[in-house]
Amino acid sequence: NKNTKKLSSPLPDIESVLRRVASKKYKSLIDGKDAYEQIRIIPEHVNRLIFNTLDGTMVSEVIQLGDCNSRATYQALMNHIFQPYLGDWMDIYL
């Protein structure tokens, strides 16, 4: 919504990632199953994530894929966690 401050976490340059990956002997792809749902919302912000369904009003205590800023938050978190390895033997591209 228009009141939400939009975050940005730029994606890595895909051409650079592909060049690096192509030059490596071993390659692996990891899919973070339900990855967004592993990131908790801080308690004082949970009330901002209310949504309506046919079953009634629901509140999410974790980030959902379609939430505003969810992609940027997840990309920034992965970059933070894996910073020592990025560009060396690991690249993160969401």
PDB file of N, CA and C in Angstrom:
ATOM      1  N   ASN A   1       0.826  -1.186   0.000  1.00  0.00           N
ATOM      2  CA  ASN A   1       0.000   0.000   0.000  1.00  0.00           C
ATOM      3  C   ASN A   1       0.866   1.244   0.000  1.00  0.00           C
ATOM      4  N   LYS A   2       0.256   2.359  -0.270  1.00  0.00           N
ATOM      5  CA  LYS A   2       1.034   3.591  -0.465  1.00  0.00           C
ATOM      6  C   LYS A   2       1.689   4.104   0.814  1.00  0.00           C
ATOM      7  N   ASN A   3       1.257   3.628   1.990  1.00  0.00           N
ATOM      8  CA  ASN A   3       1.851   4.059   3.252  1.00  0.00           C
ATOM      9  C   ASN A   3       3.105   3.269   3.622  1.00  0.00           C
ATOM     10  N   THR A   4       3.362   2.205   2.896  1.00  0.00           N
ATOM     11  CA  THR A   4       4.500   1.346   3.210  1.00  0.00           C
ATOM     12  C   THR A   4       5.778   1.894   2.589  1.00  0.00           C
ATOM     13  N   LYS A   5       6.809   1.999   3.408  1.00  0.00           N
ATOM     14  CA  LYS A   5       8.109   2.421   2.899  1.00  0.00           C
ATOM     15  C   LYS A   5       8.708   1.246   2.131  1.00  0.00           C
ATOM     16  N   LYS A   6       8.967   1.440   0.853  1.00  0.00           N
ATOM     17  CA  LYS A   6       9.482   0.370  -0.002  1.00  0.00           C
ATOM     18  C   LYS A   6      10.983   0.189   0.226  1.00  0.00           C
ATOM     19  N   LEU A   7      11.373  -1.059   0.420  1.00  0.00           N
ATOM     20  CA  LEU A   7      12.785  -1.400   0.580  1.00  0.00           C
ATOM     21  C   LEU A   7      13.345  -1.839  -0.759  1.00  0.00           C
ATOM     22  N   SER A   8      14.624  -1.665  -0.938  1.00  0.00           N
ATOM     23  CA  SER A   8      15.237  -2.202  -2.148  1.00  0.00           C
ATOM     24  C   SER A   8      16.447  -3.024  -1.749  1.00  0.00           C
ATOM     25  N   SER A   9      16.575  -4.125  -2.383  1.00  0.00           N
ATOM     26  CA  SER A   9      17.737  -4.985  -2.217  1.00  0.00           C
ATOM     27  C   SER A   9      18.032  -5.505  -3.613  1.00  0.00           C
ATOM     28  N   PRO A  10      18.913  -4.828  -4.331  1.00  0.00           N
ATOM     29  CA  PRO A  10      19.118  -5.157  -5.741  1.00  0.00           C
ATOM     30  C   PRO A  10      19.576  -6.596  -5.956  1.00  0.00           C
ATOM     31  N   LEU A  11      19.059  -7.183  -7.015  1.00  0.00           N
ATOM     32  CA  LEU A  11      19.497  -8.520  -7.410  1.00  0.00           C
ATOM     33  C   LEU A  11      20.911  -8.431  -7.972  1.00  0.00           C
ATOM     34  N   PRO A  12      21.690  -9.483  -7.799  1.00  0.00           N
ATOM     35  CA  PRO A  12      23.011  -9.489  -8.426  1.00  0.00           C
ATOM     36  C   PRO A  12      22.873  -9.487  -9.947  1.00  0.00           C
ATOM     37  N   ASP A  13      23.897  -9.039 -10.618  1.00  0.00           N
ATOM     38  CA  ASP A  13      23.894  -9.024 -12.078  1.00  0.00           C
ATOM     39  C   ASP A  13      23.880 -10.460 -12.594  1.00  0.00           C
ATOM     40  N   ILE A  14      22.803 -10.852 -13.256  1.00  0.00           N
ATOM     41  CA  ILE A  14      22.620 -12.236 -13.687  1.00  0.00           C
ATOM     42  C   ILE A  14      23.707 -12.684 -14.662  1.00  0.00           C
ATOM     43  N   GLU A  15      24.165 -11.798 -15.523  1.00  0.00           N
ATOM     44  CA  GLU A  15      25.227 -12.162 -16.472  1.00  0.00           C
ATOM     45  C   GLU A  15      26.513 -12.534 -15.739  1.00  0.00           C
ATOM     46  N   SER A  16      26.862 -11.760 -14.722  1.00  0.00           N
ATOM     47  CA  SER A  16      28.064 -12.065 -13.931  1.00  0.00           C
ATOM     48  C   SER A  16      27.911 -13.385 -13.192  1.00  0.00           C
ATOM     49  N   VAL A  17      26.734 -13.606 -12.624  1.00  0.00           N
ATOM     50  CA  VAL A  17      26.472 -14.859 -11.911  1.00  0.00           C
ATOM     51  C   VAL A  17      26.608 -16.042 -12.863  1.00  0.00           C
ATOM     52  N   LEU A  18      26.006 -15.946 -14.040  1.00  0.00           N
ATOM     53  CA  LEU A  18      26.059 -17.043 -15.007  1.00  0.00           C
ATOM     54  C   LEU A  18      27.486 -17.317 -15.476  1.00  0.00           C
ATOM     55  N   ARG A  19      28.271 -16.266 -15.691  1.00  0.00           N
ATOM     56  CA  ARG A  19      29.672 -16.454 -16.091  1.00  0.00           C
ATOM     57  C   ARG A  19      30.465 -17.178 -15.000  1.00  0.00           C
ATOM     58  N   ARG A  20      30.270 -16.754 -13.753  1.00  0.00           N
ATOM     59  CA  ARG A  20      30.975 -17.399 -12.643  1.00  0.00           C
ATOM     60  C   ARG A  20      30.564 -18.862 -12.502  1.00  0.00           C
ATOM     61  N   VAL A  21      29.264 -19.115 -12.554  1.00  0.00           N
ATOM     62  CA  VAL A  21      28.758 -20.482 -12.402  1.00  0.00           C
ATOM     63  C   VAL A  21      29.258 -21.368 -13.536  1.00  0.00           C
ATOM     64  N   ALA A  22      29.244 -20.848 -14.755  1.00  0.00           N
ATOM     65  CA  ALA A  22      29.675 -21.637 -15.917  1.00  0.00           C
ATOM     66  C   ALA A  22      31.139 -22.051 -15.809  1.00  0.00           C
ATOM     67  N   SER A  23      31.941 -21.272 -15.113  1.00  0.00           N
ATOM     68  CA  SER A  23      33.370 -21.580 -15.021  1.00  0.00           C
ATOM     69  C   SER A  23      33.702 -22.588 -13.919  1.00  0.00           C
ATOM     70  N   LYS A  24      32.738 -22.942 -13.101  1.00  0.00           N
ATOM     71  CA  LYS A  24      32.984 -23.858 -11.983  1.00  0.00           C
ATOM     72  C   LYS A  24      32.775 -25.313 -12.388  1.00  0.00           C
ATOM     73  N   LYS A  25      33.543 -26.193 -11.777  1.00  0.00           N
ATOM     74  CA  LYS A  25      33.434 -27.623 -12.066  1.00  0.00           C
ATOM     75  C   LYS A  25      32.143 -28.195 -11.481  1.00  0.00           C
ATOM     76  N   TYR A  26      31.805 -27.806 -10.268  1.00  0.00           N
ATOM     77  CA  TYR A  26      30.613 -28.322  -9.595  1.00  0.00           C
ATOM     78  C   TYR A  26      29.582 -27.215  -9.447  1.00  0.00           C
ATOM     79  N   LYS A  27      28.337 -27.585  -9.630  1.00  0.00           N
ATOM     80  CA  LYS A  27      27.236 -26.625  -9.530  1.00  0.00           C
ATOM     81  C   LYS A  27      26.133 -27.237  -8.683  1.00  0.00           C
ATOM     82  N   SER A  28      25.428 -26.400  -7.957  1.00  0.00           N
ATOM     83  CA  SER A  28      24.320 -26.875  -7.138  1.00  0.00           C
ATOM     84  C   SER A  28      23.254 -25.790  -7.090  1.00  0.00           C
ATOM     85  N   LEU A  29      22.031 -26.220  -6.959  1.00  0.00           N
ATOM     86  CA  LEU A  29      20.906 -25.298  -6.849  1.00  0.00           C
ATOM     87  C   LEU A  29      20.129 -25.691  -5.611  1.00  0.00           C
ATOM     88  N   ILE A  30      19.869 -24.747  -4.750  1.00  0.00           N
ATOM     89  CA  ILE A  30      19.116 -25.021  -3.530  1.00  0.00           C
ATOM     90  C   ILE A  30      17.837 -24.200  -3.563  1.00  0.00           C
ATOM     91  N   ASP A  31      16.736 -24.868  -3.344  1.00  0.00           N
ATOM     92  CA  ASP A  31      15.442 -24.202  -3.276  1.00  0.00           C
ATOM     93  C   ASP A  31      15.061 -24.082  -1.810  1.00  0.00           C
ATOM     94  N   GLY A  32      14.965 -22.878  -1.323  1.00  0.00           N
ATOM     95  CA  GLY A  32      14.571 -22.664   0.068  1.00  0.00           C
ATOM     96  C   GLY A  32      13.079 -22.883   0.231  1.00  0.00           C
ATOM     97  N   LYS A  33      12.682 -24.123   0.475  1.00  0.00           N
ATOM     98  CA  LYS A  33      11.265 -24.461   0.598  1.00  0.00           C
ATOM     99  C   LYS A  33      10.621 -23.630   1.701  1.00  0.00           C
ATOM    100  N   ASP A  34       9.539 -22.982   1.339  1.00  0.00           N
ATOM    101  CA  ASP A  34       8.805 -22.131   2.285  1.00  0.00           C
ATOM    102  C   ASP A  34       9.729 -21.110   2.955  1.00  0.00           C
ATOM    103  N   ALA A  35      10.694 -20.635   2.202  1.00  0.00           N
ATOM    104  CA  ALA A  35      11.729 -19.767   2.767  1.00  0.00           C
ATOM    105  C   ALA A  35      11.163 -18.505   3.411  1.00  0.00           C
ATOM    106  N   TYR A  36      10.233 -17.864   2.752  1.00  0.00           N
ATOM    107  CA  TYR A  36       9.691 -16.623   3.294  1.00  0.00           C
ATOM    108  C   TYR A  36       9.004 -16.871   4.630  1.00  0.00           C
ATOM    109  N   GLU A  37       8.341 -18.019   4.757  1.00  0.00           N
ATOM    110  CA  GLU A  37       7.610 -18.334   5.979  1.00  0.00           C
ATOM    111  C   GLU A  37       8.526 -18.657   7.154  1.00  0.00           C
ATOM    112  N   GLN A  38       9.829 -18.647   6.943  1.00  0.00           N
ATOM    113  CA  GLN A  38      10.780 -18.893   8.024  1.00  0.00           C
ATOM    114  C   GLN A  38      11.203 -17.594   8.716  1.00  0.00           C
ATOM    115  N   ILE A  39      10.799 -16.458   8.155  1.00  0.00           N
ATOM    116  CA  ILE A  39      11.202 -15.162   8.705  1.00  0.00           C
ATOM    117  C   ILE A  39      10.030 -14.587   9.495  1.00  0.00           C
ATOM    118  N   ARG A  40      10.215 -14.429  10.784  1.00  0.00           N
ATOM    119  CA  ARG A  40       9.157 -13.925  11.657  1.00  0.00           C
ATOM    120  C   ARG A  40       9.026 -12.404  11.550  1.00  0.00           C
ATOM    121  N   ILE A  41       7.795 -11.955  11.712  1.00  0.00           N
ATOM    122  CA  ILE A  41       7.497 -10.525  11.779  1.00  0.00           C
ATOM    123  C   ILE A  41       7.704 -10.090  13.227  1.00  0.00           C
ATOM    124  N   ILE A  42       8.294  -8.927  13.437  1.00  0.00           N
ATOM    125  CA  ILE A  42       8.437  -8.469  14.817  1.00  0.00           C
ATOM    126  C   ILE A  42       7.037  -8.232  15.393  1.00  0.00           C
ATOM    127  N   PRO A  43       6.817  -8.613  16.654  1.00  0.00           N
ATOM    128  CA  PRO A  43       5.465  -8.615  17.228  1.00  0.00           C
ATOM    129  C   PRO A  43       4.695  -7.306  17.071  1.00  0.00           C
ATOM    130  N   GLU A  44       5.352  -6.172  17.183  1.00  0.00           N
ATOM    131  CA  GLU A  44       4.619  -4.900  17.084  1.00  0.00           C
ATOM    132  C   GLU A  44       4.158  -4.587  15.661  1.00  0.00           C
ATOM    133  N   HIS A  45       4.594  -5.356  14.665  1.00  0.00           N
ATOM    134  CA  HIS A  45       4.160  -5.139  13.280  1.00  0.00           C
ATOM    135  C   HIS A  45       3.164  -6.182  12.786  1.00  0.00           C
ATOM    136  N   VAL A  46       2.883  -7.194  13.594  1.00  0.00           N
ATOM    137  CA  VAL A  46       1.969  -8.262  13.176  1.00  0.00           C
ATOM    138  C   VAL A  46       0.601  -7.700  12.804  1.00  0.00           C
ATOM    139  N   ASN A  47       0.122  -6.705  13.531  1.00  0.00           N
ATOM    140  CA  ASN A  47      -1.205  -6.134  13.238  1.00  0.00           C
ATOM    141  C   ASN A  47      -1.272  -5.465  11.868  1.00  0.00           C
ATOM    142  N   ARG A  48      -0.156  -5.244  11.220  1.00  0.00           N
ATOM    143  CA  ARG A  48      -0.133  -4.639   9.882  1.00  0.00           C
ATOM    144  C   ARG A  48      -0.331  -5.677   8.778  1.00  0.00           C
ATOM    145  N   LEU A  49      -0.348  -6.940   9.157  1.00  0.00           N
ATOM    146  CA  LEU A  49      -0.441  -8.016   8.171  1.00  0.00           C
ATOM    147  C   LEU A  49      -1.778  -8.749   8.235  1.00  0.00           C
ATOM    148  N   ILE A  50      -2.818  -8.038   8.581  1.00  0.00           N
ATOM    149  CA  ILE A  50      -4.159  -8.618   8.645  1.00  0.00           C
ATOM    150  C   ILE A  50      -4.708  -8.747   7.229  1.00  0.00           C
ATOM    151  N   PHE A  51      -5.335  -9.888   6.946  1.00  0.00           N
ATOM    152  CA  PHE A  51      -5.966 -10.084   5.640  1.00  0.00           C
ATOM    153  C   PHE A  51      -7.246 -10.890   5.819  1.00  0.00           C
ATOM    154  N   ASN A  52      -8.152 -10.733   4.869  1.00  0.00           N
ATOM    155  CA  ASN A  52      -9.447 -11.409   4.929  1.00  0.00           C
ATOM    156  C   ASN A  52      -9.480 -12.599   3.989  1.00  0.00           C
ATOM    157  N   THR A  53     -10.109 -13.674   4.452  1.00  0.00           N
ATOM    158  CA  THR A  53     -10.323 -14.865   3.637  1.00  0.00           C
ATOM    159  C   THR A  53     -11.787 -15.265   3.765  1.00  0.00           C
ATOM    160  N   LEU A  54     -12.189 -16.284   3.044  1.00  0.00           N
ATOM    161  CA  LEU A  54     -13.554 -16.793   3.169  1.00  0.00           C
ATOM    162  C   LEU A  54     -13.813 -17.345   4.568  1.00  0.00           C
ATOM    163  N   ASP A  55     -12.753 -17.745   5.257  1.00  0.00           N
ATOM    164  CA  ASP A  55     -12.883 -18.279   6.617  1.00  0.00           C
ATOM    165  C   ASP A  55     -12.824 -17.201   7.688  1.00  0.00           C
ATOM    166  N   GLY A  56     -12.634 -15.961   7.292  1.00  0.00           N
ATOM    167  CA  GLY A  56     -12.582 -14.867   8.253  1.00  0.00           C
ATOM    168  C   GLY A  56     -11.296 -14.078   8.154  1.00  0.00           C
ATOM    169  N   THR A  57     -11.079 -13.231   9.134  1.00  0.00           N
ATOM    170  CA  THR A  57      -9.893 -12.385   9.187  1.00  0.00           C
ATOM    171  C   THR A  57      -8.729 -13.173   9.775  1.00  0.00           C
ATOM    172  N   MET A  58      -7.590 -13.087   9.120  1.00  0.00           N
ATOM    173  CA  MET A  58      -6.397 -13.822   9.547  1.00  0.00           C
ATOM    174  C   MET A  58      -5.244 -12.842   9.773  1.00  0.00           C
ATOM    175  N   VAL A  59      -4.299 -13.266  10.583  1.00  0.00           N
ATOM    176  CA  VAL A  59      -3.091 -12.493  10.841  1.00  0.00           C
ATOM    177  C   VAL A  59      -1.900 -13.422  10.643  1.00  0.00           C
ATOM    178  N   SER A  60      -0.904 -12.952   9.916  1.00  0.00           N
ATOM    179  CA  SER A  60       0.295 -13.753   9.696  1.00  0.00           C
ATOM    180  C   SER A  60       1.400 -13.267  10.621  1.00  0.00           C
ATOM    181  N   GLU A  61       2.098 -14.196  11.235  1.00  0.00           N
ATOM    182  CA  GLU A  61       3.229 -13.849  12.093  1.00  0.00           C
ATOM    183  C   GLU A  61       4.564 -14.063  11.392  1.00  0.00           C
ATOM    184  N   VAL A  62       4.494 -14.460  10.119  1.00  0.00           N
ATOM    185  CA  VAL A  62       5.700 -14.658   9.312  1.00  0.00           C
ATOM    186  C   VAL A  62       5.513 -13.955   7.970  1.00  0.00           C
ATOM    187  N   ILE A  63       6.611 -13.694   7.285  1.00  0.00           N
ATOM    188  CA  ILE A  63       6.552 -13.057   5.972  1.00  0.00           C
ATOM    189  C   ILE A  63       5.900 -14.010   4.975  1.00  0.00           C
ATOM    190  N   GLN A  64       5.041 -13.479   4.140  1.00  0.00           N
ATOM    191  CA  GLN A  64       4.408 -14.249   3.074  1.00  0.00           C
ATOM    192  C   GLN A  64       5.005 -13.793   1.742  1.00  0.00           C
ATOM    193  N   LEU A  65       4.998 -14.669   0.770  1.00  0.00           N
ATOM    194  CA  LEU A  65       5.616 -14.394  -0.525  1.00  0.00           C
ATOM    195  C   LEU A  65       5.123 -13.099  -1.160  1.00  0.00           C
ATOM    196  N   GLY A  66       3.851 -12.790  -1.062  1.00  0.00           N
ATOM    197  CA  GLY A  66       3.308 -11.613  -1.730  1.00  0.00           C
ATOM    198  C   GLY A  66       3.355 -10.327  -0.929  1.00  0.00           C
ATOM    199  N   ASP A  67       3.865 -10.379   0.289  1.00  0.00           N
ATOM    200  CA  ASP A  67       3.913  -9.175   1.114  1.00  0.00           C
ATOM    201  C   ASP A  67       4.845  -8.138   0.493  1.00  0.00           C
ATOM    202  N   CYS A  68       4.467  -6.877   0.683  1.00  0.00           N
ATOM    203  CA  CYS A  68       5.329  -5.789   0.239  1.00  0.00           C
ATOM    204  C   CYS A  68       6.670  -5.932   0.967  1.00  0.00           C
ATOM    205  N   ASN A  69       7.741  -5.810   0.265  1.00  0.00           N
ATOM    206  CA  ASN A  69       9.101  -5.878   0.803  1.00  0.00           C
ATOM    207  C   ASN A  69       9.571  -7.281   1.172  1.00  0.00           C
ATOM    208  N   SER A  70       8.767  -8.308   0.940  1.00  0.00           N
ATOM    209  CA  SER A  70       9.207  -9.656   1.330  1.00  0.00           C
ATOM    210  C   SER A  70      10.423 -10.102   0.515  1.00  0.00           C
ATOM    211  N   ARG A  71      10.435  -9.850  -0.791  1.00  0.00           N
ATOM    212  CA  ARG A  71      11.569 -10.257  -1.611  1.00  0.00           C
ATOM    213  C   ARG A  71      12.835  -9.505  -1.212  1.00  0.00           C
ATOM    214  N   ALA A  72      12.705  -8.202  -1.012  1.00  0.00           N
ATOM    215  CA  ALA A  72      13.870  -7.396  -0.630  1.00  0.00           C
ATOM    216  C   ALA A  72      14.392  -7.813   0.746  1.00  0.00           C
ATOM    217  N   THR A  73      13.486  -8.109   1.668  1.00  0.00           N
ATOM    218  CA  THR A  73      13.888  -8.549   3.005  1.00  0.00           C
ATOM    219  C   THR A  73      14.625  -9.877   2.936  1.00  0.00           C
ATOM    220  N   TYR A  74      14.089 -10.810   2.157  1.00  0.00           N
ATOM    221  CA  TYR A  74      14.712 -12.132   2.051  1.00  0.00           C
ATOM    222  C   TYR A  74      16.076 -12.050   1.362  1.00  0.00           C
ATOM    223  N   GLN A  75      16.170 -11.275   0.284  1.00  0.00           N
ATOM    224  CA  GLN A  75      17.448 -11.105  -0.417  1.00  0.00           C
ATOM    225  C   GLN A  75      18.480 -10.488   0.521  1.00  0.00           C
ATOM    226  N   ALA A  76      18.091  -9.450   1.266  1.00  0.00           N
ATOM    227  CA  ALA A  76      19.019  -8.794   2.191  1.00  0.00           C
ATOM    228  C   ALA A  76      19.464  -9.750   3.301  1.00  0.00           C
ATOM    229  N   LEU A  77      18.546 -10.576   3.799  1.00  0.00           N
ATOM    230  CA  LEU A  77      18.891 -11.540   4.842  1.00  0.00           C
ATOM    231  C   LEU A  77      19.881 -12.582   4.322  1.00  0.00           C
ATOM    232  N   MET A  78      19.637 -13.106   3.140  1.00  0.00           N
ATOM    233  CA  MET A  78      20.550 -14.098   2.560  1.00  0.00           C
ATOM    234  C   MET A  78      21.924 -13.483   2.300  1.00  0.00           C
ATOM    235  N   ASN A  79      21.946 -12.253   1.785  1.00  0.00           N
ATOM    236  CA  ASN A  79      23.222 -11.566   1.551  1.00  0.00           C
ATOM    237  C   ASN A  79      23.986 -11.377   2.861  1.00  0.00           C
ATOM    238  N   HIS A  80      23.266 -11.043   3.925  1.00  0.00           N
ATOM    239  CA  HIS A  80      23.893 -10.827   5.230  1.00  0.00           C
ATOM    240  C   HIS A  80      24.475 -12.135   5.782  1.00  0.00           C
ATOM    241  N   ILE A  81      23.681 -13.193   5.742  1.00  0.00           N
ATOM    242  CA  ILE A  81      24.116 -14.478   6.297  1.00  0.00           C
ATOM    243  C   ILE A  81      25.320 -15.043   5.545  1.00  0.00           C
ATOM    244  N   PHE A  82      25.267 -14.965   4.216  1.00  0.00           N
ATOM    245  CA  PHE A  82      26.292 -15.621   3.397  1.00  0.00           C
ATOM    246  C   PHE A  82      27.341 -14.660   2.840  1.00  0.00           C
ATOM    247  N   GLN A  83      27.440 -13.467   3.390  1.00  0.00           N
ATOM    248  CA  GLN A  83      28.361 -12.444   2.897  1.00  0.00           C
ATOM    249  C   GLN A  83      29.783 -12.953   2.671  1.00  0.00           C
ATOM    250  N   PRO A  84      30.369 -13.734   3.585  1.00  0.00           N
ATOM    251  CA  PRO A  84      31.759 -14.170   3.377  1.00  0.00           C
ATOM    252  C   PRO A  84      31.963 -15.034   2.134  1.00  0.00           C
ATOM    253  N   TYR A  85      30.907 -15.643   1.612  1.00  0.00           N
ATOM    254  CA  TYR A  85      31.035 -16.598   0.512  1.00  0.00           C
ATOM    255  C   TYR A  85      30.568 -16.057  -0.839  1.00  0.00           C
ATOM    256  N   LEU A  86      29.883 -14.915  -0.826  1.00  0.00           N
ATOM    257  CA  LEU A  86      29.304 -14.390  -2.066  1.00  0.00           C
ATOM    258  C   LEU A  86      30.390 -14.033  -3.075  1.00  0.00           C
ATOM    259  N   GLY A  87      30.201 -14.497  -4.299  1.00  0.00           N
ATOM    260  CA  GLY A  87      31.148 -14.223  -5.371  1.00  0.00           C
ATOM    261  C   GLY A  87      32.351 -15.143  -5.362  1.00  0.00           C
ATOM    262  N   ASP A  88      32.541 -15.878  -4.279  1.00  0.00           N
ATOM    263  CA  ASP A  88      33.649 -16.824  -4.189  1.00  0.00           C
ATOM    264  C   ASP A  88      33.160 -18.190  -4.656  1.00  0.00           C
ATOM    265  N   TRP A  89      32.402 -18.859  -3.831  1.00  0.00           N
ATOM    266  CA  TRP A  89      31.847 -20.157  -4.233  1.00  0.00           C
ATOM    267  C   TRP A  89      30.325 -20.180  -4.134  1.00  0.00           C
ATOM    268  N   MET A  90      29.723 -19.016  -3.849  1.00  0.00           N
ATOM    269  CA  MET A  90      28.273 -18.956  -3.709  1.00  0.00           C
ATOM    270  C   MET A  90      27.728 -17.672  -4.314  1.00  0.00           C
ATOM    271  N   ASP A  91      26.574 -17.794  -4.960  1.00  0.00           N
ATOM    272  CA  ASP A  91      25.813 -16.642  -5.431  1.00  0.00           C
ATOM    273  C   ASP A  91      24.369 -16.855  -5.015  1.00  0.00           C
ATOM    274  N   ILE A  92      23.695 -15.780  -4.691  1.00  0.00           N
ATOM    275  CA  ILE A  92      22.284 -15.860  -4.313  1.00  0.00           C
ATOM    276  C   ILE A  92      21.494 -15.058  -5.326  1.00  0.00           C
ATOM    277  N   TYR A  93      20.546 -15.713  -5.936  1.00  0.00           N
ATOM    278  CA  TYR A  93      19.688 -15.039  -6.911  1.00  0.00           C
ATOM    279  C   TYR A  93      18.264 -15.522  -6.686  1.00  0.00           C
ATOM    280  N   LEU A  94      17.408 -14.632  -6.250  1.00  0.00           N
ATOM    281  CA  LEU A  94      16.013 -14.997  -5.967  1.00  0.00           C
ATOM    282  C   LEU A  94      15.140 -14.717  -7.154  1.00  0.00           C
TER     283      LEU A  94
END
